[in-house]
Protein backbone atom coordinates (compact mmCIF):
# COMPACT_ATOMS: atom_id res chain seq x y z
CA MET A 1 23.77 -8.81 -56.62
CA LEU A 2 21.96 -10.87 -59.27
CA GLU A 3 24.75 -13.47 -59.10
CA TYR A 4 24.24 -13.89 -55.35
CA PHE A 5 20.53 -14.37 -55.89
CA LYS A 6 21.15 -17.11 -58.47
CA ILE A 7 23.59 -18.92 -56.15
CA ALA A 8 21.10 -18.71 -53.27
CA ARG A 9 18.31 -20.10 -55.46
CA ARG A 10 20.46 -23.01 -56.60
CA ASN A 11 21.39 -23.82 -52.99
CA LEU A 12 17.73 -23.87 -52.02
CA PHE A 13 16.77 -26.37 -54.69
CA ARG A 14 19.94 -28.47 -54.57
CA ASN A 15 18.79 -30.19 -51.36
CA LYS A 16 15.04 -29.64 -51.09
CA ARG A 17 14.67 -31.70 -47.93
CA ARG A 18 17.33 -29.70 -46.10
CA SER A 19 15.86 -26.42 -47.33
CA PHE A 20 12.35 -27.43 -46.26
CA ILE A 21 13.53 -28.40 -42.76
CA THR A 22 15.49 -25.15 -42.37
CA ILE A 23 12.64 -22.93 -43.60
CA SER A 24 10.12 -24.80 -41.43
CA SER A 25 12.30 -24.50 -38.34
CA VAL A 26 12.74 -20.75 -38.76
CA PHE A 27 9.07 -20.22 -39.67
CA PHE A 28 7.67 -22.14 -36.69
CA GLY A 29 10.28 -20.65 -34.36
CA VAL A 30 9.24 -17.11 -35.35
CA PHE A 31 5.54 -18.01 -35.37
CA PHE A 32 5.49 -19.54 -31.89
CA SER A 33 7.74 -16.87 -30.35
CA VAL A 34 5.61 -14.03 -31.77
CA THR A 35 2.38 -15.80 -30.74
CA MET A 36 3.66 -16.50 -27.24
CA ARG A 37 4.97 -12.97 -26.81
CA SER A 38 1.72 -11.41 -28.07
CA ALA A 39 -0.39 -13.62 -25.79
CA GLN A 40 1.83 -12.76 -22.82
CA ILE A 41 1.69 -9.00 -23.47
CA GLY A 42 -2.08 -9.21 -23.87
CA SER A 43 -2.56 -11.19 -20.65
CA LEU A 44 -0.22 -8.89 -18.71
CA GLY A 45 -2.11 -5.87 -20.06
CA ASN A 46 -5.41 -7.37 -18.90
CA MET A 47 -3.92 -8.17 -15.51
CA ILE A 48 -2.64 -4.60 -15.07
CA ASP A 49 -6.01 -3.24 -16.19
CA ASN A 50 -7.87 -5.47 -13.69
CA VAL A 51 -5.54 -4.57 -10.83
CA VAL A 52 -5.68 -0.80 -11.33
CA LYS A 53 -9.46 -0.91 -11.84
CA SER A 54 -9.87 -2.81 -8.59
CA TYR A 55 -9.05 0.35 -6.63
CA ALA A 56 -5.98 2.52 -7.25
CA GLY A 57 -6.50 3.65 -10.86
CA TYR A 58 -3.77 4.33 -13.43
CA ILE A 59 -2.77 7.74 -12.04
CA GLN A 60 -3.43 9.68 -8.83
CA VAL A 61 -2.97 13.38 -8.16
CA GLN A 62 -2.08 13.93 -4.51
CA ASP A 63 -0.58 16.46 -2.15
CA THR A 64 3.22 16.17 -2.21
CA ALA A 65 3.28 14.89 1.39
CA TYR A 66 0.36 12.45 1.19
CA TRP A 67 1.98 9.30 -0.21
CA ASN A 68 4.57 9.07 2.58
CA ASN A 69 2.13 10.11 5.30
CA LYS A 70 -1.49 9.27 4.49
CA SER A 71 -2.99 11.64 7.01
CA ILE A 72 -6.22 13.61 6.68
CA ASN A 73 -4.05 16.68 7.30
CA ASN A 74 -2.14 16.05 4.06
CA THR A 75 -5.21 16.42 1.87
CA PHE A 76 -5.75 19.36 -0.50
CA GLU A 77 -8.61 21.55 -1.66
CA GLN A 78 -10.10 20.67 -5.01
CA ASN A 79 -10.27 23.81 -7.14
CA THR A 80 -11.58 24.87 -10.54
CA HIS A 81 -8.08 25.36 -11.99
CA LEU A 82 -7.19 21.73 -11.27
CA ASP A 83 -10.53 20.52 -12.66
CA SER A 84 -10.14 22.56 -15.84
CA SER A 85 -6.60 21.20 -16.36
CA LEU A 86 -7.85 17.62 -16.08
CA ASN A 87 -10.91 18.30 -18.25
CA SER A 88 -8.80 19.83 -21.02
CA SER A 89 -6.38 16.91 -21.20
CA SER A 90 -6.70 14.87 -24.39
CA VAL A 91 -5.25 11.69 -22.85
CA ILE A 92 -7.55 11.44 -19.81
CA ASN A 93 -10.75 9.41 -20.08
CA TYR A 94 -12.19 9.90 -16.60
CA TYR A 95 -11.20 11.23 -13.20
CA SER A 96 -12.82 11.09 -9.79
CA PRO A 97 -12.02 12.78 -6.45
CA ARG A 98 -11.68 10.75 -3.26
CA LEU A 99 -11.30 11.49 0.42
CA GLU A 100 -9.77 8.58 2.30
CA SER A 101 -9.06 8.22 6.00
CA PHE A 102 -9.27 5.69 8.79
CA ALA A 103 -12.06 5.32 11.28
CA LEU A 104 -13.38 2.94 13.91
CA ALA A 105 -16.60 1.18 12.91
CA ALA A 106 -18.77 -0.13 15.72
CA SER A 107 -22.05 -1.93 16.31
CA ASN A 108 -23.29 -3.20 19.67
CA ASN A 109 -20.22 -4.77 21.34
CA ASN A 110 -18.10 -5.17 18.19
CA SER A 111 -15.69 -2.69 16.66
CA LYS A 112 -13.24 -2.74 13.77
CA GLY A 113 -10.76 -0.40 12.15
CA VAL A 114 -11.86 0.53 8.64
CA MET A 115 -10.84 2.71 5.72
CA MET A 116 -13.58 5.21 4.94
CA VAL A 117 -13.54 6.38 1.34
CA GLY A 118 -15.61 9.32 0.18
CA ILE A 119 -16.46 9.05 -3.52
CA ASN A 120 -18.52 10.69 -6.20
CA PRO A 121 -20.82 7.71 -6.97
CA GLU A 122 -21.41 8.67 -10.60
CA LYS A 123 -17.77 9.39 -11.47
CA GLU A 124 -16.45 6.40 -9.54
CA GLU A 125 -18.48 4.09 -11.76
CA HIS A 126 -16.05 4.96 -14.58
CA ILE A 127 -13.06 4.15 -12.37
CA ILE A 128 -13.61 0.93 -10.40
CA GLN A 129 -17.31 0.24 -11.04
CA VAL A 130 -18.23 -0.28 -7.38
CA SER A 131 -21.77 -1.33 -8.32
CA LYS A 132 -20.30 -4.38 -10.11
CA TRP A 133 -19.18 -5.75 -6.74
CA LEU A 134 -22.52 -5.06 -5.03
CA LYS A 135 -23.72 -8.23 -3.30
CA LYS A 136 -26.70 -6.91 -1.35
CA GLY A 137 -28.73 -3.72 -1.30
CA GLU A 138 -28.34 -0.75 -3.65
CA TYR A 139 -25.56 1.46 -4.96
CA LEU A 140 -24.99 4.96 -3.60
CA ASN A 141 -26.70 8.01 -5.07
CA ASN A 142 -27.01 11.61 -3.89
CA GLU A 143 -28.93 10.53 -0.78
CA ARG A 144 -27.11 11.66 2.37
CA GLY A 145 -26.13 9.52 5.36
CA LYS A 146 -25.81 6.22 3.47
CA VAL A 147 -22.76 3.96 3.08
CA LEU A 148 -21.61 0.79 1.34
CA ILE A 149 -19.55 -1.61 3.44
CA GLY A 150 -17.30 -4.52 2.53
CA GLU A 151 -18.64 -7.99 3.16
CA GLY A 152 -15.82 -8.70 5.61
CA VAL A 153 -16.78 -5.63 7.67
CA ALA A 154 -20.46 -6.61 7.56
CA ASN A 155 -19.74 -10.16 8.72
CA TYR A 156 -17.43 -9.03 11.53
CA LEU A 157 -19.86 -6.44 12.86
CA LYS A 158 -22.89 -8.66 12.15
CA LEU A 159 -24.60 -5.94 10.12
CA GLY A 160 -26.73 -5.95 6.98
CA VAL A 161 -28.61 -3.66 4.62
CA ASN A 162 -30.62 -0.89 6.38
CA ASP A 163 -28.75 -1.44 9.67
CA THR A 164 -27.02 1.50 11.35
CA ILE A 165 -23.26 1.63 11.71
CA ILE A 166 -21.36 3.90 14.12
CA LEU A 167 -18.20 5.56 12.82
CA LEU A 168 -15.63 7.28 15.04
CA GLY A 169 -12.41 8.93 13.99
CA SER A 170 -10.09 11.91 14.01
CA GLY A 171 -10.92 14.65 11.54
CA TYR A 172 -8.98 17.43 9.88
CA HIS A 173 -6.50 19.04 12.29
CA GLY A 174 -7.54 16.71 15.11
CA VAL A 175 -11.26 17.52 15.18
CA SER A 176 -13.34 14.68 16.66
CA ALA A 177 -15.35 12.77 14.06
CA ALA A 178 -18.42 10.74 15.02
CA ASN A 179 -21.66 9.94 13.24
CA LEU A 180 -24.26 7.30 12.44
CA PHE A 181 -24.73 5.99 8.91
CA VAL A 182 -27.29 3.69 7.35
CA ILE A 183 -25.94 0.75 5.36
CA LYS A 184 -27.36 0.94 1.85
CA GLY A 185 -25.45 -2.00 0.40
CA VAL A 186 -22.80 -4.65 0.96
CA VAL A 187 -19.96 -5.06 -1.57
CA LYS A 188 -17.69 -8.05 -2.09
CA PHE A 189 -14.33 -7.28 -3.70
CA PRO A 190 -11.94 -9.96 -5.00
CA SER A 191 -9.27 -8.66 -2.61
CA PRO A 192 -9.81 -10.06 0.93
CA VAL A 193 -7.80 -7.19 2.42
CA LEU A 194 -9.95 -4.53 0.75
CA ASN A 195 -13.11 -6.50 1.43
CA GLY A 196 -12.35 -6.62 5.14
CA LYS A 197 -11.85 -2.90 5.73
CA ILE A 198 -13.58 -0.77 3.08
CA ILE A 199 -16.50 1.58 3.62
CA PHE A 200 -17.72 3.85 0.81
CA ALA A 201 -19.68 7.05 1.43
CA ASN A 202 -20.67 10.07 -0.62
CA ILE A 203 -17.69 12.42 -0.69
CA SER A 204 -19.82 15.24 0.74
CA ASP A 205 -20.75 13.04 3.72
CA CYS A 206 -17.13 12.05 4.18
CA GLN A 207 -15.93 15.66 4.06
CA GLU A 208 -18.53 16.64 6.63
CA PHE A 209 -17.65 13.68 8.85
CA PHE A 210 -13.94 14.53 8.91
CA SER A 211 -14.55 18.33 9.00
CA ALA A 212 -12.59 18.59 5.75
CA GLU A 213 -14.85 20.75 3.60
CA ASN A 214 -13.99 20.61 -0.11
CA ARG A 215 -10.81 18.63 0.64
CA VAL A 216 -9.73 15.45 -1.14
CA SER A 217 -6.88 13.04 -0.52
CA SER A 218 -6.47 12.14 -4.20
CA ILE A 219 -7.94 12.48 -7.66
CA VAL A 220 -7.93 9.15 -9.47
CA VAL A 221 -7.30 9.38 -13.22
CA MET A 222 -7.99 6.77 -15.90
CA VAL A 223 -6.62 6.51 -19.44
CA ASP A 224 -7.82 4.14 -22.17
CA ASP A 225 -4.60 2.10 -22.28
CA TYR A 226 -1.84 1.43 -19.75
CA SER A 227 0.81 2.19 -22.39
CA LYS A 228 -0.33 5.85 -22.32
CA VAL A 229 0.14 6.26 -18.56
CA THR A 230 3.63 7.79 -18.69
CA MET A 231 2.61 10.31 -21.36
CA ALA A 232 -0.57 11.23 -19.46
CA ALA A 233 1.30 11.65 -16.17
CA LYS A 234 3.86 13.92 -17.84
CA GLN A 235 1.13 16.07 -19.38
CA ILE A 236 -0.77 16.37 -16.10
CA SER A 237 2.43 17.33 -14.25
CA GLN A 238 3.05 20.12 -16.75
CA ASP A 239 -0.52 21.45 -16.48
CA ILE A 240 -0.97 21.52 -12.70
CA ASP A 241 0.67 23.34 -9.82
CA SER A 242 3.90 22.05 -8.25
CA ALA A 243 2.05 21.68 -4.94
CA TYR A 244 0.57 18.44 -6.32
CA LYS A 245 2.30 15.15 -6.93
CA VAL A 246 1.35 12.90 -9.86
CA MET A 247 1.68 9.19 -9.03
CA THR A 248 1.44 6.46 -11.67
CA TRP A 249 0.40 2.87 -10.99
CA MET A 250 4.06 1.87 -11.44
CA GLU A 251 5.03 4.07 -8.48
CA MET A 252 2.06 3.07 -6.34
CA GLN A 253 2.40 -0.67 -6.97
CA PRO A 254 6.10 -1.52 -7.47
CA GLU A 255 5.46 -5.20 -6.67
CA LEU A 256 3.20 -5.43 -9.73
CA VAL A 257 5.93 -3.83 -11.87
CA GLN A 258 8.45 -6.40 -10.61
CA PHE A 259 6.06 -9.24 -11.43
CA VAL A 260 5.46 -7.93 -14.98
CA ASP A 261 9.20 -7.39 -15.57
CA SER A 262 10.02 -10.92 -14.35
CA LYS A 263 7.44 -12.43 -16.71
CA LYS A 264 8.76 -10.43 -19.67
CA GLY A 265 12.34 -11.34 -18.77
CA SER A 266 11.64 -15.09 -18.60
CA SER A 267 9.83 -14.89 -21.95
CA THR A 268 12.81 -13.11 -23.55
CA ILE A 269 15.22 -15.78 -22.26
CA PHE A 270 12.98 -18.55 -23.63
CA ILE A 271 12.81 -16.92 -27.08
CA PHE A 272 16.60 -16.40 -27.09
CA LEU A 273 17.21 -20.07 -26.27
CA LEU A 274 14.71 -21.16 -28.93
CA PHE A 275 16.51 -19.26 -31.71
CA LEU A 276 19.90 -20.29 -30.35
CA ILE A 277 18.95 -23.96 -30.67
CA ILE A 278 17.62 -23.37 -34.21
CA GLY A 279 20.82 -21.56 -35.18
CA LEU A 280 23.20 -24.14 -33.66
CA GLU A 281 21.45 -26.94 -35.51
CA TYR A 282 22.59 -25.59 -38.87
CA LEU A 283 26.15 -24.54 -38.07
CA GLU A 284 28.76 -26.15 -40.26
CA PRO A 285 30.61 -28.95 -38.42
């Protein structure tokens, strides 16, 4: 072993210029590949974090039938056992219940289909920080009969803060849903699609509107890092009843997963080619 070391040392110093070029090539190849890979993983992590925090969250607990048929009839009752399971989890940072369904928003002669989302204003601030996107008015509190509407909805219906909006829909098990709400604020999300159809209300108002007392369509769960999502989802699945389905952001947004995989794949090919070129340069003729 010592003999090999001596031979290697002699070869290094026999042609210093060649050794310097070889060492430099390997060093800079490793340095730039590691730097590029680290920057890419960091930027992809930030992108995933921004996307999931824009609405969906990292994990959602739903009724087993809800994802394939997002009907108000496929909601479930929030209970203390489910809450205690989520509260006792060591990998969960925050969670927030939601009740989502579709309604017809109207004002004067204009009407528009919207997605009405009942939220817990305090808990939702830890999920998607709705108040961050507030453009006009004030954020929701425990006051009843108030809503936040997307800027696209406000512009289409020609409504503003303190105006009244009419909402019509079909409630739980086909019950008619109709009520008037006062617009407390206007929000502007980065997503034009979300911005053009979203209406937020207190979850208690939403449950009353759809005649779905104590029912939720999903519980949105957040963890502190996207790398912990799979572990958190597995733990939640083990702790809760089989009547619920645990959905990760990878299942809810497969197009985002494909985009991330394609970026990682192209980076891997680039690094492979870089080291291949470095290696071929020093092959014996």
